[in-house]
All heavy atoms as atom14 arrays in JSON, in Angstrom:
{
  "sequence": "PEAYPHLVEFATERALQPGYDFGEEFEFGLDVILDVLERMIARGNGD",
  "atom14_mask": [
    [1, 1, 1, 1, 1, 1, 1, 0, 0, 0, 0, 0, 0, 0],
    [1, 1, 1, 1, 1, 1, 1, 1, 1, 0, 0, 0, 0, 0],
    [1, 1, 1, 1, 1, 0, 0, 0, 0, 0, 0, 0, 0, 0],
    [1, 1, 1, 1, 1, 1, 1, 1, 1, 1, 1, 1, 0, 0],
    [1, 1, 1, 1, 1, 1, 1, 0, 0, 0, 0, 0, 0, 0],
    [1, 1, 1, 1, 1, 1, 1, 1, 1, 1, 0, 0, 0, 0],
    [1, 1, 1, 1, 1, 1, 1, 1, 0, 0, 0, 0, 0, 0],
    [1, 1, 1, 1, 1, 1, 1, 0, 0, 0, 0, 0, 0, 0],
    [1, 1, 1, 1, 1, 1, 1, 1, 1, 0, 0, 0, 0, 0],
    [1, 1, 1, 1, 1, 1, 1, 1, 1, 1, 1, 0, 0, 0],
    [1, 1, 1, 1, 1, 0, 0, 0, 0, 0, 0, 0, 0, 0],
    [1, 1, 1, 1, 1, 1, 1, 0, 0, 0, 0, 0, 0, 0],
    [1, 1, 1, 1, 1, 1, 1, 1, 1, 0, 0, 0, 0, 0],
    [1, 1, 1, 1, 1, 1, 1, 1, 1, 1, 1, 0, 0, 0],
    [1, 1, 1, 1, 1, 0, 0, 0, 0, 0, 0, 0, 0, 0],
    [1, 1, 1, 1, 1, 1, 1, 1, 0, 0, 0, 0, 0, 0],
    [1, 1, 1, 1, 1, 1, 1, 1, 1, 0, 0, 0, 0, 0],
    [1, 1, 1, 1, 1, 1, 1, 0, 0, 0, 0, 0, 0, 0],
    [1, 1, 1, 1, 0, 0, 0, 0, 0, 0, 0, 0, 0, 0],
    [1, 1, 1, 1, 1, 1, 1, 1, 1, 1, 1, 1, 0, 0],
    [1, 1, 1, 1, 1, 1, 1, 1, 0, 0, 0, 0, 0, 0],
    [1, 1, 1, 1, 1, 1, 1, 1, 1, 1, 1, 0, 0, 0],
    [1, 1, 1, 1, 0, 0, 0, 0, 0, 0, 0, 0, 0, 0],
    [1, 1, 1, 1, 1, 1, 1, 1, 1, 0, 0, 0, 0, 0],
    [1, 1, 1, 1, 1, 1, 1, 1, 1, 0, 0, 0, 0, 0],
    [1, 1, 1, 1, 1, 1, 1, 1, 1, 1, 1, 0, 0, 0],
    [1, 1, 1, 1, 1, 1, 1, 1, 1, 0, 0, 0, 0, 0],
    [1, 1, 1, 1, 1, 1, 1, 1, 1, 1, 1, 0, 0, 0],
    [1, 1, 1, 1, 0, 0, 0, 0, 0, 0, 0, 0, 0, 0],
    [1, 1, 1, 1, 1, 1, 1, 1, 0, 0, 0, 0, 0, 0],
    [1, 1, 1, 1, 1, 1, 1, 1, 0, 0, 0, 0, 0, 0],
    [1, 1, 1, 1, 1, 1, 1, 0, 0, 0, 0, 0, 0, 0],
    [1, 1, 1, 1, 1, 1, 1, 1, 0, 0, 0, 0, 0, 0],
    [1, 1, 1, 1, 1, 1, 1, 1, 0, 0, 0, 0, 0, 0],
    [1, 1, 1, 1, 1, 1, 1, 1, 0, 0, 0, 0, 0, 0],
    [1, 1, 1, 1, 1, 1, 1, 0, 0, 0, 0, 0, 0, 0],
    [1, 1, 1, 1, 1, 1, 1, 1, 0, 0, 0, 0, 0, 0],
    [1, 1, 1, 1, 1, 1, 1, 1, 1, 0, 0, 0, 0, 0],
    [1, 1, 1, 1, 1, 1, 1, 1, 1, 1, 1, 0, 0, 0],
    [1, 1, 1, 1, 1, 1, 1, 1, 0, 0, 0, 0, 0, 0],
    [1, 1, 1, 1, 1, 1, 1, 1, 0, 0, 0, 0, 0, 0],
    [1, 1, 1, 1, 1, 0, 0, 0, 0, 0, 0, 0, 0, 0],
    [1, 1, 1, 1, 1, 1, 1, 1, 1, 1, 1, 0, 0, 0],
    [1, 1, 1, 1, 0, 0, 0, 0, 0, 0, 0, 0, 0, 0],
    [1, 1, 1, 1, 1, 1, 1, 1, 0, 0, 0, 0, 0, 0],
    [1, 1, 1, 1, 0, 0, 0, 0, 0, 0, 0, 0, 0, 0],
    [1, 1, 1, 1, 1, 1, 1, 1, 0, 0, 0, 0, 0, 0]
  ],
  "atom14_positions": [
    [[16.99, 2.94, 19.73], [16.35, 1.81, 19.06], [16.17, 0.61, 19.97], [15.22, -0.15, 19.81], [17.32, 1.5, 17.9], [18.04, 2.79, 17.66], [18.19, 3.41, 19.02], [0.0, 0.0, 0.0], [0.0, 0.0, 0.0], [0.0, 0.0, 0.0], [0.0, 0.0, 0.0], [0.0, 0.0, 0.0], [0.0, 0.0, 0.0], [0.0, 0.0, 0.0]],
    [[17.08, 0.44, 20.91], [16.96, -0.69, 21.83], [15.83, -0.48, 22.83], [15.1, -1.41, 23.18], [18.28, -0.89, 22.59], [19.45, -1.35, 21.73], [20.03, -0.22, 20.89], [19.8, 0.96, 21.25], [20.69, -0.51, 19.89], [0.0, 0.0, 0.0], [0.0, 0.0, 0.0], [0.0, 0.0, 0.0], [0.0, 0.0, 0.0], [0.0, 0.0, 0.0]],
    [[15.66, 0.76, 23.29], [14.63, 1.03, 24.3], [13.25, 1.22, 23.68], [12.24, 0.86, 24.28], [15.01, 2.28, 25.11], [0.0, 0.0, 0.0], [0.0, 0.0, 0.0], [0.0, 0.0, 0.0], [0.0, 0.0, 0.0], [0.0, 0.0, 0.0], [0.0, 0.0, 0.0], [0.0, 0.0, 0.0], [0.0, 0.0, 0.0], [0.0, 0.0, 0.0]],
    [[13.2, 1.81, 22.46], [11.92, 2.12, 21.84], [11.9, 1.63, 20.39], [11.81, 2.42, 19.45], [11.67, 3.64, 21.87], [11.8, 4.24, 23.24], [12.9, 5.05, 23.55], [10.84, 4.02, 24.22], [13.03, 5.62, 24.81], [10.97, 4.58, 25.48], [12.06, 5.38, 25.77], [12.19, 5.92, 27.02], [0.0, 0.0, 0.0], [0.0, 0.0, 0.0]],
    [[11.99, 0.33, 20.18], [12.1, -0.2, 18.82], [10.9, 0.12, 17.93], [11.06, 0.37, 16.73], [12.26, -1.7, 19.03], [11.64, -1.96, 20.37], [11.96, -0.75, 21.19], [0.0, 0.0, 0.0], [0.0, 0.0, 0.0], [0.0, 0.0, 0.0], [0.0, 0.0, 0.0], [0.0, 0.0, 0.0], [0.0, 0.0, 0.0], [0.0, 0.0, 0.0]],
    [[9.71, 0.13, 18.52], [8.51, 0.36, 17.7], [8.38, 1.83, 17.3], [7.92, 2.14, 16.2], [7.27, -0.11, 18.44], [7.35, -1.55, 18.87], [7.48, -2.57, 17.96], [7.36, -2.12, 20.09], [7.55, -3.73, 18.6], [7.48, -3.48, 19.91], [0.0, 0.0, 0.0], [0.0, 0.0, 0.0], [0.0, 0.0, 0.0], [0.0, 0.0, 0.0]],
    [[8.78, 2.72, 18.19], [8.78, 4.14, 17.86], [9.78, 4.44, 16.75], [9.48, 5.19, 15.81], [9.13, 4.98, 19.09], [7.98, 5.29, 20.07], [8.53, 5.97, 21.32], [6.93, 6.16, 19.41], [0.0, 0.0, 0.0], [0.0, 0.0, 0.0], [0.0, 0.0, 0.0], [0.0, 0.0, 0.0], [0.0, 0.0, 0.0], [0.0, 0.0, 0.0]],
    [[10.95, 3.85, 16.85], [11.97, 4.05, 15.82], [11.49, 3.5, 14.49], [11.65, 4.13, 13.43], [13.3, 3.4, 16.24], [14.29, 3.43, 15.09], [13.88, 4.11, 17.46], [0.0, 0.0, 0.0], [0.0, 0.0, 0.0], [0.0, 0.0, 0.0], [0.0, 0.0, 0.0], [0.0, 0.0, 0.0], [0.0, 0.0, 0.0], [0.0, 0.0, 0.0]],
    [[10.89, 2.32, 14.53], [10.38, 1.72, 13.3], [9.33, 2.61, 12.65], [9.37, 2.86, 11.43], [9.77, 0.35, 13.59], [9.14, -0.31, 12.37], [8.31, -1.52, 12.73], [7.63, -1.51, 13.78], [8.31, -2.48, 11.92], [0.0, 0.0, 0.0], [0.0, 0.0, 0.0], [0.0, 0.0, 0.0], [0.0, 0.0, 0.0], [0.0, 0.0, 0.0]],
    [[8.39, 3.12, 13.45], [7.33, 3.96, 12.9], [7.89, 5.27, 12.35], [7.5, 5.73, 11.27], [6.27, 4.27, 13.97], [5.09, 5.04, 13.43], [4.04, 4.37, 12.81], [5.04, 6.42, 13.5], [2.97, 5.07, 12.29], [3.98, 7.13, 12.98], [2.94, 6.45, 12.37], [0.0, 0.0, 0.0], [0.0, 0.0, 0.0], [0.0, 0.0, 0.0]],
    [[8.8, 5.86, 13.09], [9.38, 7.14, 12.65], [10.14, 6.99, 11.35], [9.96, 7.77, 10.41], [10.29, 7.7, 13.74], [0.0, 0.0, 0.0], [0.0, 0.0, 0.0], [0.0, 0.0, 0.0], [0.0, 0.0, 0.0], [0.0, 0.0, 0.0], [0.0, 0.0, 0.0], [0.0, 0.0, 0.0], [0.0, 0.0, 0.0], [0.0, 0.0, 0.0]],
    [[10.98, 5.97, 11.26], [11.87, 5.85, 10.09], [11.15, 5.27, 8.88], [11.44, 5.65, 7.74], [13.08, 4.97, 10.43], [12.63, 3.69, 10.91], [13.94, 5.63, 11.5], [0.0, 0.0, 0.0], [0.0, 0.0, 0.0], [0.0, 0.0, 0.0], [0.0, 0.0, 0.0], [0.0, 0.0, 0.0], [0.0, 0.0, 0.0], [0.0, 0.0, 0.0]],
    [[10.22, 4.35, 9.11], [9.59, 3.67, 7.99], [8.22, 4.22, 7.62], [7.64, 3.83, 6.6], [9.48, 2.17, 8.28], [10.84, 1.51, 8.45], [10.75, 0.01, 8.63], [9.72, -0.57, 8.19], [11.69, -0.58, 9.19], [0.0, 0.0, 0.0], [0.0, 0.0, 0.0], [0.0, 0.0, 0.0], [0.0, 0.0, 0.0], [0.0, 0.0, 0.0]],
    [[7.73, 5.14, 8.45], [6.42, 5.73, 8.15], [6.48, 7.26, 8.15], [6.35, 7.89, 7.11], [5.4, 5.23, 9.18], [4.04, 5.9, 9.15], [3.25, 5.54, 7.92], [1.88, 6.02, 8.02], [1.1, 6.22, 6.97], [1.53, 5.97, 5.77], [-0.14, 6.67, 7.14], [0.0, 0.0, 0.0], [0.0, 0.0, 0.0], [0.0, 0.0, 0.0]],
    [[6.7, 7.85, 9.32], [6.6, 9.3, 9.45], [7.67, 10.06, 8.67], [7.44, 11.19, 8.25], [6.65, 9.7, 10.92], [0.0, 0.0, 0.0], [0.0, 0.0, 0.0], [0.0, 0.0, 0.0], [0.0, 0.0, 0.0], [0.0, 0.0, 0.0], [0.0, 0.0, 0.0], [0.0, 0.0, 0.0], [0.0, 0.0, 0.0], [0.0, 0.0, 0.0]],
    [[8.84, 9.44, 8.47], [9.92, 10.13, 7.77], [9.96, 9.82, 6.28], [10.83, 10.32, 5.57], [11.27, 9.77, 8.4], [11.53, 10.36, 9.78], [12.85, 9.84, 10.34], [11.56, 11.89, 9.7], [0.0, 0.0, 0.0], [0.0, 0.0, 0.0], [0.0, 0.0, 0.0], [0.0, 0.0, 0.0], [0.0, 0.0, 0.0], [0.0, 0.0, 0.0]],
    [[9.0, 9.04, 5.81], [8.97, 8.71, 4.39], [8.44, 9.89, 3.57], [7.6, 10.66, 4.05], [8.11, 7.47, 4.16], [8.7, 6.19, 4.72], [10.07, 5.88, 4.14], [10.25, 5.81, 2.93], [11.06, 5.72, 5.03], [0.0, 0.0, 0.0], [0.0, 0.0, 0.0], [0.0, 0.0, 0.0], [0.0, 0.0, 0.0], [0.0, 0.0, 0.0]],
    [[8.92, 10.06, 2.34], [8.45, 11.16, 1.48], [6.93, 11.11, 1.31], [6.35, 10.04, 1.1], [9.17, 10.9, 0.15], [10.37, 10.11, 0.52], [9.96, 9.25, 1.67], [0.0, 0.0, 0.0], [0.0, 0.0, 0.0], [0.0, 0.0, 0.0], [0.0, 0.0, 0.0], [0.0, 0.0, 0.0], [0.0, 0.0, 0.0], [0.0, 0.0, 0.0]],
    [[6.3, 12.27, 1.45], [4.86, 12.36, 1.23], [4.01, 12.02, 2.43], [2.78, 12.04, 2.33], [0.0, 0.0, 0.0], [0.0, 0.0, 0.0], [0.0, 0.0, 0.0], [0.0, 0.0, 0.0], [0.0, 0.0, 0.0], [0.0, 0.0, 0.0], [0.0, 0.0, 0.0], [0.0, 0.0, 0.0], [0.0, 0.0, 0.0], [0.0, 0.0, 0.0]],
    [[4.64, 11.7, 3.55], [3.83, 11.36, 4.73], [2.98, 12.56, 5.14], [3.48, 13.68, 5.23], [4.71, 10.94, 5.9], [3.92, 10.77, 7.19], [3.08, 9.67, 7.36], [4.0, 11.71, 8.22], [2.33, 9.51, 8.52], [3.27, 11.55, 9.39], [2.43, 10.46, 9.53], [1.7, 10.31, 10.68], [0.0, 0.0, 0.0], [0.0, 0.0, 0.0]],
    [[1.71, 12.31, 5.38], [0.78, 13.36, 5.78], [-0.11, 12.82, 6.88], [-0.91, 11.91, 6.65], [-0.06, 13.8, 4.58], [-1.05, 14.91, 4.92], [-1.0, 15.43, 6.06], [-1.88, 15.24, 4.06], [0.0, 0.0, 0.0], [0.0, 0.0, 0.0], [0.0, 0.0, 0.0], [0.0, 0.0, 0.0], [0.0, 0.0, 0.0], [0.0, 0.0, 0.0]],
    [[0.02, 13.37, 8.08], [-0.81, 12.92, 9.19], [-2.29, 13.07, 8.87], [-3.12, 12.29, 9.36], [-0.46, 13.71, 10.45], [-1.3, 13.35, 11.64], [-1.05, 12.19, 12.35], [-2.35, 14.16, 12.05], [-1.83, 11.83, 13.45], [-3.14, 13.81, 13.14], [-2.87, 12.65, 13.85], [0.0, 0.0, 0.0], [0.0, 0.0, 0.0], [0.0, 0.0, 0.0]],
    [[-2.63, 14.03, 8.05], [-4.03, 14.26, 7.71], [-4.7, 13.08, 7.04], [-5.93, 12.95, 7.08], [0.0, 0.0, 0.0], [0.0, 0.0, 0.0], [0.0, 0.0, 0.0], [0.0, 0.0, 0.0], [0.0, 0.0, 0.0], [0.0, 0.0, 0.0], [0.0, 0.0, 0.0], [0.0, 0.0, 0.0], [0.0, 0.0, 0.0], [0.0, 0.0, 0.0]],
    [[-3.92, 12.2, 6.42], [-4.49, 11.02, 5.79], [-5.13, 10.09, 6.8], [-5.99, 9.27, 6.45], [-3.42, 10.28, 4.99], [-2.91, 11.06, 3.79], [-1.8, 10.33, 3.05], [-1.42, 9.22, 3.5], [-1.31, 10.87, 2.04], [0.0, 0.0, 0.0], [0.0, 0.0, 0.0], [0.0, 0.0, 0.0], [0.0, 0.0, 0.0], [0.0, 0.0, 0.0]],
    [[-4.7, 10.18, 8.07], [-5.3, 9.35, 9.1], [-6.77, 9.71, 9.29], [-7.57, 8.87, 9.73], [-4.54, 9.51, 10.42], [-3.02, 9.37, 10.33], [-2.56, 8.03, 9.8], [-3.38, 7.1, 9.67], [-1.35, 7.9, 9.49], [0.0, 0.0, 0.0], [0.0, 0.0, 0.0], [0.0, 0.0, 0.0], [0.0, 0.0, 0.0], [0.0, 0.0, 0.0]],
    [[-7.12, 10.95, 8.99], [-8.53, 11.36, 9.11], [-9.4, 10.58, 8.14], [-10.46, 10.06, 8.51], [-8.65, 12.86, 8.86], [-10.06, 13.37, 8.98], [-10.6, 13.69, 10.21], [-10.86, 13.52, 7.85], [-11.9, 14.15, 10.33], [-12.16, 13.97, 7.95], [-12.68, 14.3, 9.2], [0.0, 0.0, 0.0], [0.0, 0.0, 0.0], [0.0, 0.0, 0.0]],
    [[-8.96, 10.51, 6.89], [-9.72, 9.8, 5.87], [-9.88, 8.33, 6.24], [-10.95, 7.75, 6.06], [-9.04, 9.95, 4.52], [-8.92, 11.39, 4.05], [-8.06, 11.53, 2.82], [-7.73, 10.48, 2.21], [-7.72, 12.67, 2.45], [0.0, 0.0, 0.0], [0.0, 0.0, 0.0], [0.0, 0.0, 0.0], [0.0, 0.0, 0.0], [0.0, 0.0, 0.0]],
    [[-8.81, 7.73, 6.75], [-8.87, 6.32, 7.13], [-9.88, 6.11, 8.25], [-10.75, 5.23, 8.18], [-7.49, 5.83, 7.59], [-7.49, 4.42, 8.11], [-7.4, 3.35, 7.24], [-7.6, 4.16, 9.48], [-7.41, 2.03, 7.7], [-7.62, 2.85, 9.95], [-7.52, 1.79, 9.06], [0.0, 0.0, 0.0], [0.0, 0.0, 0.0], [0.0, 0.0, 0.0]],
    [[-9.78, 6.91, 9.3], [-10.68, 6.75, 10.45], [-12.13, 7.0, 10.09], [-13.03, 6.27, 10.53], [0.0, 0.0, 0.0], [0.0, 0.0, 0.0], [0.0, 0.0, 0.0], [0.0, 0.0, 0.0], [0.0, 0.0, 0.0], [0.0, 0.0, 0.0], [0.0, 0.0, 0.0], [0.0, 0.0, 0.0], [0.0, 0.0, 0.0], [0.0, 0.0, 0.0]],
    [[-12.37, 8.02, 9.27], [-13.74, 8.32, 8.85], [-14.32, 7.17, 8.04], [-15.48, 6.78, 8.23], [-13.76, 9.62, 8.03], [-15.13, 10.08, 7.52], [-16.09, 10.33, 8.67], [-14.97, 11.34, 6.67], [0.0, 0.0, 0.0], [0.0, 0.0, 0.0], [0.0, 0.0, 0.0], [0.0, 0.0, 0.0], [0.0, 0.0, 0.0], [0.0, 0.0, 0.0]],
    [[-13.52, 6.6, 7.14], [-13.99, 5.47, 6.34], [-14.32, 4.26, 7.21], [-15.28, 3.53, 6.93], [-12.94, 5.08, 5.29], [-12.99, 5.97, 4.06], [-14.0, 6.65, 3.86], [-12.0, 5.98, 3.3], [0.0, 0.0, 0.0], [0.0, 0.0, 0.0], [0.0, 0.0, 0.0], [0.0, 0.0, 0.0], [0.0, 0.0, 0.0], [0.0, 0.0, 0.0]],
    [[-13.54, 4.03, 8.25], [-13.82, 2.91, 9.16], [-15.19, 3.09, 9.8], [-16.01, 2.15, 9.85], [-12.73, 2.8, 10.24], [-13.16, 1.82, 11.33], [-11.42, 2.33, 9.63], [0.0, 0.0, 0.0], [0.0, 0.0, 0.0], [0.0, 0.0, 0.0], [0.0, 0.0, 0.0], [0.0, 0.0, 0.0], [0.0, 0.0, 0.0], [0.0, 0.0, 0.0]],
    [[-15.47, 4.28, 10.3], [-16.76, 4.54, 10.94], [-17.9, 4.39, 9.94], [-18.91, 3.73, 10.22], [-16.77, 5.96, 11.55], [-15.76, 6.05, 12.69], [-18.17, 6.32, 12.05], [-15.56, 7.45, 13.23], [0.0, 0.0, 0.0], [0.0, 0.0, 0.0], [0.0, 0.0, 0.0], [0.0, 0.0, 0.0], [0.0, 0.0, 0.0], [0.0, 0.0, 0.0]],
    [[-17.75, 4.97, 8.76], [-18.82, 4.9, 7.76], [-19.0, 3.49, 7.24], [-20.13, 3.08, 6.93], [-18.51, 5.87, 6.62], [-18.48, 7.35, 7.0], [-18.12, 8.2, 5.79], [-19.82, 7.8, 7.57], [0.0, 0.0, 0.0], [0.0, 0.0, 0.0], [0.0, 0.0, 0.0], [0.0, 0.0, 0.0], [0.0, 0.0, 0.0], [0.0, 0.0, 0.0]],
    [[-17.91, 2.71, 7.13], [-18.03, 1.31, 6.7], [-18.89, 0.52, 7.68], [-19.76, -0.27, 7.27], [-16.64, 0.66, 6.61], [-15.89, 1.07, 5.36], [-16.5, 1.66, 4.45], [-14.66, 0.82, 5.31], [0.0, 0.0, 0.0], [0.0, 0.0, 0.0], [0.0, 0.0, 0.0], [0.0, 0.0, 0.0], [0.0, 0.0, 0.0], [0.0, 0.0, 0.0]],
    [[-18.66, 0.73, 8.96], [-19.43, 0.0, 9.99], [-20.91, 0.4, 9.92], [-21.8, -0.46, 9.94], [-18.86, 0.28, 11.39], [-19.78, -0.3, 12.46], [-17.46, -0.32, 11.52], [0.0, 0.0, 0.0], [0.0, 0.0, 0.0], [0.0, 0.0, 0.0], [0.0, 0.0, 0.0], [0.0, 0.0, 0.0], [0.0, 0.0, 0.0], [0.0, 0.0, 0.0]],
    [[-21.17, 1.68, 9.82], [-22.56, 2.13, 9.72], [-23.23, 1.59, 8.47], [-24.39, 1.17, 8.5], [-22.61, 3.66, 9.73], [-22.22, 4.35, 11.03], [-22.24, 5.87, 10.85], [-23.15, 3.96, 12.17], [0.0, 0.0, 0.0], [0.0, 0.0, 0.0], [0.0, 0.0, 0.0], [0.0, 0.0, 0.0], [0.0, 0.0, 0.0], [0.0, 0.0, 0.0]],
    [[-22.49, 1.58, 7.37], [-23.05, 1.08, 6.11], [-23.39, -0.4, 6.2], [-24.44, -0.85, 5.7], [-22.06, 1.33, 4.97], [-22.66, 1.13, 3.59], [-21.79, 1.73, 2.51], [-20.57, 1.45, 2.51], [-22.32, 2.47, 1.67], [0.0, 0.0, 0.0], [0.0, 0.0, 0.0], [0.0, 0.0, 0.0], [0.0, 0.0, 0.0], [0.0, 0.0, 0.0]],
    [[-22.53, -1.18, 6.85], [-22.81, -2.61, 7.01], [-24.03, -2.83, 7.9], [-24.85, -3.71, 7.64], [-21.59, -3.33, 7.58], [-20.45, -3.51, 6.58], [-19.46, -4.57, 7.05], [-18.77, -4.16, 8.26], [-17.62, -3.49, 8.27], [-17.05, -3.13, 7.13], [-17.03, -3.18, 9.41], [0.0, 0.0, 0.0], [0.0, 0.0, 0.0], [0.0, 0.0, 0.0]],
    [[-24.13, -2.03, 8.96], [-25.29, -2.16, 9.85], [-26.59, -1.85, 9.12], [-27.59, -2.56, 9.26], [-25.13, -1.22, 11.05], [-24.01, -1.6, 12.0], [-23.82, -0.39, 13.34], [-25.39, -0.56, 14.15], [0.0, 0.0, 0.0], [0.0, 0.0, 0.0], [0.0, 0.0, 0.0], [0.0, 0.0, 0.0], [0.0, 0.0, 0.0], [0.0, 0.0, 0.0]],
    [[-26.55, -0.81, 8.3], [-27.75, -0.43, 7.56], [-28.1, -1.5, 6.53], [-29.27, -1.88, 6.37], [-27.53, 0.93, 6.89], [-27.43, 2.03, 7.96], [-28.67, 1.25, 5.91], [-26.97, 3.36, 7.41], [0.0, 0.0, 0.0], [0.0, 0.0, 0.0], [0.0, 0.0, 0.0], [0.0, 0.0, 0.0], [0.0, 0.0, 0.0], [0.0, 0.0, 0.0]],
    [[-27.08, -2.03, 5.84], [-27.32, -3.05, 4.81], [-27.91, -4.32, 5.41], [-28.71, -5.01, 4.77], [-26.01, -3.36, 4.08], [0.0, 0.0, 0.0], [0.0, 0.0, 0.0], [0.0, 0.0, 0.0], [0.0, 0.0, 0.0], [0.0, 0.0, 0.0], [0.0, 0.0, 0.0], [0.0, 0.0, 0.0], [0.0, 0.0, 0.0], [0.0, 0.0, 0.0]],
    [[-27.5, -4.66, 6.63], [-28.0, -5.85, 7.3], [-29.34, -5.6, 8.0], [-29.9, -6.52, 8.6], [-27.0, -6.37, 8.34], [-25.71, -6.9, 7.75], [-24.97, -7.77, 8.77], [-24.75, -7.04, 10.01], [-23.6, -6.44, 10.35], [-22.59, -6.47, 9.49], [-23.45, -5.83, 11.48], [0.0, 0.0, 0.0], [0.0, 0.0, 0.0], [0.0, 0.0, 0.0]],
    [[-29.81, -4.38, 7.94], [-31.04, -4.06, 8.66], [-30.81, -3.9, 10.14], [-31.74, -4.05, 10.93], [0.0, 0.0, 0.0], [0.0, 0.0, 0.0], [0.0, 0.0, 0.0], [0.0, 0.0, 0.0], [0.0, 0.0, 0.0], [0.0, 0.0, 0.0], [0.0, 0.0, 0.0], [0.0, 0.0, 0.0], [0.0, 0.0, 0.0], [0.0, 0.0, 0.0]],
    [[-29.56, -3.62, 10.51], [-29.21, -3.43, 11.93], [-29.19, -1.97, 12.32], [-28.45, -1.57, 13.19], [-27.83, -4.04, 12.23], [-27.86, -5.56, 12.21], [-28.91, -6.14, 11.93], [-26.74, -6.18, 12.48], [0.0, 0.0, 0.0], [0.0, 0.0, 0.0], [0.0, 0.0, 0.0], [0.0, 0.0, 0.0], [0.0, 0.0, 0.0], [0.0, 0.0, 0.0]],
    [[-30.02, -1.18, 11.67], [-30.07, 0.23, 12.01], [-30.88, 0.46, 13.27], [-31.02, 1.59, 13.73], [0.0, 0.0, 0.0], [0.0, 0.0, 0.0], [0.0, 0.0, 0.0], [0.0, 0.0, 0.0], [0.0, 0.0, 0.0], [0.0, 0.0, 0.0], [0.0, 0.0, 0.0], [0.0, 0.0, 0.0], [0.0, 0.0, 0.0], [0.0, 0.0, 0.0]],
    [[-31.42, -0.63, 13.81], [-32.19, -0.5, 15.05], [-31.25, -0.53, 16.25], [-30.04, -0.68, 16.11], [-33.2, -1.66, 15.15], [-34.22, -1.6, 14.04], [-34.51, -0.48, 13.59], [-34.7, -2.67, 13.62], [0.0, 0.0, 0.0], [0.0, 0.0, 0.0], [0.0, 0.0, 0.0], [0.0, 0.0, 0.0], [0.0, 0.0, 0.0], [0.0, 0.0, 0.0]]
  ]
}
């Protein structure tokens, strides 16, 4: 914990929590990309 505090924090408070599923990161990342494209299209920035 002293050498890698952020890794320990992520492991204990995120990856080791009940129901953690790495696959959920796919949905998050895909939504980020589609959100950006949607905003560009809405603003007429599809060029």
